[in-house]
Amino acid sequence: MATSLDFLIGCEKSSFRFLAVNYGQMNATWTLPMLVGINRAKELLYSGREVFADEAYHIGLINHLVPNAQLMENQ
């Protein structure tokens, strides 16, 4: 779902995972490569591993990374 949003804001405790992999399905095959590149998208979709906030920001999965206390202030 996150890959379909216009603004991607995460806090220090955010994590992301493509759960459909656990059920033999793949979602986000169109939107994820546009955000993180084809090779990284394949890795995330095939493995289903959890991506934590700092990595998500570094690879372009989220646009902004804010401290937990400031998350609601950035509305």
N, C-alpha and C. Protein backbone atom coordinates (compact mmCIF):
# COMPACT_ATOMS: atom_id res chain seq x y z
N MET A 1 0.83 -1.19 0.00
CA MET A 1 0.00 0.00 0.00
C MET A 1 0.87 1.26 0.00
N ALA A 2 1.94 1.25 0.76
CA ALA A 2 2.78 2.45 0.87
C ALA A 2 3.32 2.90 -0.47
N THR A 3 3.58 1.97 -1.36
CA THR A 3 4.17 2.35 -2.64
C THR A 3 3.19 3.08 -3.54
N SER A 4 1.91 3.08 -3.22
CA SER A 4 0.90 3.75 -4.03
C SER A 4 0.56 5.15 -3.53
N LEU A 5 1.17 5.58 -2.46
CA LEU A 5 0.85 6.88 -1.87
C LEU A 5 1.69 7.99 -2.47
N ASP A 6 1.19 9.22 -2.40
CA ASP A 6 1.91 10.37 -2.93
C ASP A 6 3.01 10.87 -2.01
N PHE A 7 2.77 10.83 -0.71
CA PHE A 7 3.74 11.30 0.27
C PHE A 7 4.06 10.16 1.22
N LEU A 8 5.33 9.83 1.30
CA LEU A 8 5.75 8.71 2.13
C LEU A 8 6.61 9.24 3.27
N ILE A 9 6.02 9.28 4.45
CA ILE A 9 6.70 9.79 5.64
C ILE A 9 6.80 8.65 6.65
N GLY A 10 7.99 8.46 7.17
CA GLY A 10 8.19 7.42 8.17
C GLY A 10 8.83 8.00 9.41
N CYS A 11 8.66 7.32 10.51
CA CYS A 11 9.34 7.71 11.74
C CYS A 11 10.41 6.67 12.04
N GLU A 12 11.18 6.92 13.07
CA GLU A 12 12.31 6.05 13.40
C GLU A 12 11.91 4.61 13.66
N LYS A 13 10.67 4.39 14.06
CA LYS A 13 10.21 3.04 14.38
C LYS A 13 9.45 2.38 13.23
N SER A 14 9.35 3.04 12.09
CA SER A 14 8.63 2.47 10.95
C SER A 14 9.36 1.27 10.38
N SER A 15 8.59 0.34 9.86
CA SER A 15 9.16 -0.76 9.10
C SER A 15 8.16 -1.14 8.01
N PHE A 16 8.67 -1.73 6.96
CA PHE A 16 7.86 -2.07 5.80
C PHE A 16 8.18 -3.49 5.38
N ARG A 17 7.15 -4.16 4.85
CA ARG A 17 7.32 -5.54 4.41
C ARG A 17 6.23 -5.85 3.40
N PHE A 18 6.56 -6.64 2.41
CA PHE A 18 5.59 -7.04 1.40
C PHE A 18 5.06 -8.42 1.78
N LEU A 19 3.97 -8.42 2.54
CA LEU A 19 3.44 -9.64 3.15
C LEU A 19 2.85 -10.62 2.15
N ALA A 20 2.44 -10.16 0.99
CA ALA A 20 1.82 -11.06 0.02
C ALA A 20 2.77 -12.18 -0.39
N VAL A 21 4.07 -11.95 -0.26
CA VAL A 21 5.07 -12.97 -0.59
C VAL A 21 4.83 -14.22 0.25
N ASN A 22 4.40 -14.05 1.48
CA ASN A 22 4.14 -15.19 2.37
C ASN A 22 3.00 -16.06 1.87
N TYR A 23 2.17 -15.53 0.99
CA TYR A 23 1.02 -16.25 0.47
C TYR A 23 1.20 -16.62 -1.00
N GLY A 24 2.44 -16.53 -1.48
CA GLY A 24 2.72 -16.91 -2.86
C GLY A 24 2.28 -15.88 -3.88
N GLN A 25 2.07 -14.66 -3.47
CA GLN A 25 1.65 -13.60 -4.38
C GLN A 25 2.66 -12.47 -4.35
N MET A 26 2.61 -11.64 -5.36
CA MET A 26 3.45 -10.45 -5.37
C MET A 26 2.58 -9.25 -5.67
N ASN A 27 2.74 -8.23 -4.86
CA ASN A 27 2.06 -6.97 -5.11
C ASN A 27 3.11 -5.89 -5.31
N ALA A 28 2.72 -4.75 -5.68
CA ALA A 28 3.62 -3.60 -5.86
C ALA A 28 4.64 -3.81 -6.97
N THR A 29 4.35 -4.69 -7.92
CA THR A 29 5.33 -4.96 -8.98
C THR A 29 5.47 -3.80 -9.95
N TRP A 30 4.51 -2.91 -9.98
CA TRP A 30 4.60 -1.75 -10.86
C TRP A 30 5.19 -0.55 -10.13
N THR A 31 4.73 -0.30 -8.93
CA THR A 31 5.13 0.91 -8.21
C THR A 31 6.47 0.80 -7.50
N LEU A 32 6.78 -0.34 -6.93
CA LEU A 32 8.02 -0.47 -6.17
C LEU A 32 9.28 -0.23 -7.01
N PRO A 33 9.41 -0.80 -8.20
CA PRO A 33 10.62 -0.53 -9.00
C PRO A 33 10.80 0.94 -9.34
N MET A 34 9.71 1.68 -9.47
CA MET A 34 9.83 3.11 -9.76
C MET A 34 10.42 3.86 -8.57
N LEU A 35 10.22 3.34 -7.36
CA LEU A 35 10.74 3.99 -6.16
C LEU A 35 12.17 3.58 -5.83
N VAL A 36 12.45 2.29 -5.91
CA VAL A 36 13.74 1.79 -5.41
C VAL A 36 14.63 1.17 -6.48
N GLY A 37 14.15 1.08 -7.70
CA GLY A 37 14.93 0.43 -8.76
C GLY A 37 14.56 -1.04 -8.89
N ILE A 38 14.79 -1.58 -10.07
CA ILE A 38 14.34 -2.94 -10.37
C ILE A 38 15.04 -4.01 -9.53
N ASN A 39 16.35 -3.90 -9.36
CA ASN A 39 17.07 -4.93 -8.60
C ASN A 39 16.68 -4.95 -7.13
N ARG A 40 16.57 -3.79 -6.53
CA ARG A 40 16.17 -3.72 -5.11
C ARG A 40 14.72 -4.19 -4.97
N ALA A 41 13.86 -3.82 -5.91
CA ALA A 41 12.46 -4.26 -5.87
C ALA A 41 12.37 -5.78 -5.92
N LYS A 42 13.14 -6.40 -6.79
CA LYS A 42 13.14 -7.87 -6.87
C LYS A 42 13.55 -8.47 -5.54
N GLU A 43 14.61 -7.93 -4.95
CA GLU A 43 15.09 -8.45 -3.67
C GLU A 43 14.00 -8.37 -2.60
N LEU A 44 13.34 -7.22 -2.51
CA LEU A 44 12.32 -7.03 -1.48
C LEU A 44 11.08 -7.89 -1.73
N LEU A 45 10.68 -8.00 -2.99
CA LEU A 45 9.49 -8.78 -3.31
C LEU A 45 9.73 -10.28 -3.20
N TYR A 46 10.88 -10.74 -3.61
CA TYR A 46 11.17 -12.18 -3.55
C TYR A 46 11.43 -12.65 -2.12
N SER A 47 12.06 -11.82 -1.32
CA SER A 47 12.43 -12.25 0.03
C SER A 47 11.34 -11.99 1.06
N GLY A 48 10.59 -10.91 0.89
CA GLY A 48 9.59 -10.55 1.88
C GLY A 48 10.19 -10.06 3.18
N ARG A 49 11.47 -9.71 3.16
CA ARG A 49 12.14 -9.29 4.40
C ARG A 49 11.64 -7.92 4.85
N GLU A 50 11.79 -7.66 6.12
CA GLU A 50 11.38 -6.39 6.71
C GLU A 50 12.43 -5.32 6.43
N VAL A 51 11.96 -4.15 6.05
CA VAL A 51 12.84 -3.00 5.79
C VAL A 51 12.56 -1.97 6.87
N PHE A 52 13.59 -1.62 7.62
CA PHE A 52 13.44 -0.65 8.70
C PHE A 52 13.62 0.77 8.19
N ALA A 53 13.21 1.73 8.98
CA ALA A 53 13.09 3.13 8.57
C ALA A 53 14.34 3.70 7.93
N ASP A 54 15.49 3.50 8.52
CA ASP A 54 16.70 4.11 7.96
C ASP A 54 17.03 3.56 6.58
N GLU A 55 16.86 2.26 6.38
CA GLU A 55 17.09 1.69 5.05
C GLU A 55 16.01 2.14 4.08
N ALA A 56 14.76 2.19 4.53
CA ALA A 56 13.66 2.63 3.66
C ALA A 56 13.91 4.03 3.13
N TYR A 57 14.42 4.90 3.98
CA TYR A 57 14.74 6.26 3.55
C TYR A 57 15.92 6.26 2.59
N HIS A 58 16.94 5.51 2.91
CA HIS A 58 18.16 5.46 2.10
C HIS A 58 17.88 4.94 0.68
N ILE A 59 17.00 3.96 0.53
CA ILE A 59 16.74 3.38 -0.79
C ILE A 59 15.61 4.07 -1.55
N GLY A 60 14.93 5.03 -0.91
CA GLY A 60 13.88 5.78 -1.58
C GLY A 60 12.47 5.24 -1.40
N LEU A 61 12.30 4.31 -0.48
CA LEU A 61 10.97 3.78 -0.21
C LEU A 61 10.09 4.80 0.51
N ILE A 62 10.71 5.66 1.32
CA ILE A 62 9.99 6.78 1.94
C ILE A 62 10.73 8.07 1.61
N ASN A 63 9.99 9.18 1.59
CA ASN A 63 10.57 10.48 1.24
C ASN A 63 11.15 11.22 2.43
N HIS A 64 10.53 11.07 3.58
CA HIS A 64 10.93 11.81 4.77
C HIS A 64 11.02 10.86 5.96
N LEU A 65 12.04 11.06 6.75
CA LEU A 65 12.23 10.29 7.97
C LEU A 65 12.31 11.29 9.12
N VAL A 66 11.36 11.20 10.04
CA VAL A 66 11.28 12.16 11.14
C VAL A 66 11.33 11.43 12.48
N PRO A 67 11.79 12.11 13.52
CA PRO A 67 11.76 11.51 14.86
C PRO A 67 10.32 11.19 15.27
N ASN A 68 10.15 10.16 16.06
CA ASN A 68 8.81 9.75 16.49
C ASN A 68 8.01 10.91 17.06
N ALA A 69 8.64 11.73 17.89
CA ALA A 69 7.94 12.83 18.56
C ALA A 69 7.45 13.89 17.58
N GLN A 70 8.07 14.01 16.43
CA GLN A 70 7.70 15.04 15.46
C GLN A 70 6.78 14.54 14.35
N LEU A 71 6.42 13.28 14.36
CA LEU A 71 5.64 12.72 13.27
C LEU A 71 4.33 13.45 13.04
N MET A 72 3.57 13.70 14.08
CA MET A 72 2.28 14.36 13.92
C MET A 72 2.41 15.86 13.67
N GLU A 73 3.56 16.44 13.98
CA GLU A 73 3.77 17.87 13.76
C GLU A 73 3.93 18.20 12.28
N ASN A 74 4.25 17.24 11.45
CA ASN A 74 4.53 17.47 10.04
C ASN A 74 3.30 17.27 9.15
N GLN A 75 2.13 17.45 9.67
CA GLN A 75 0.91 17.24 8.89
C GLN A 75 0.75 18.30 7.84
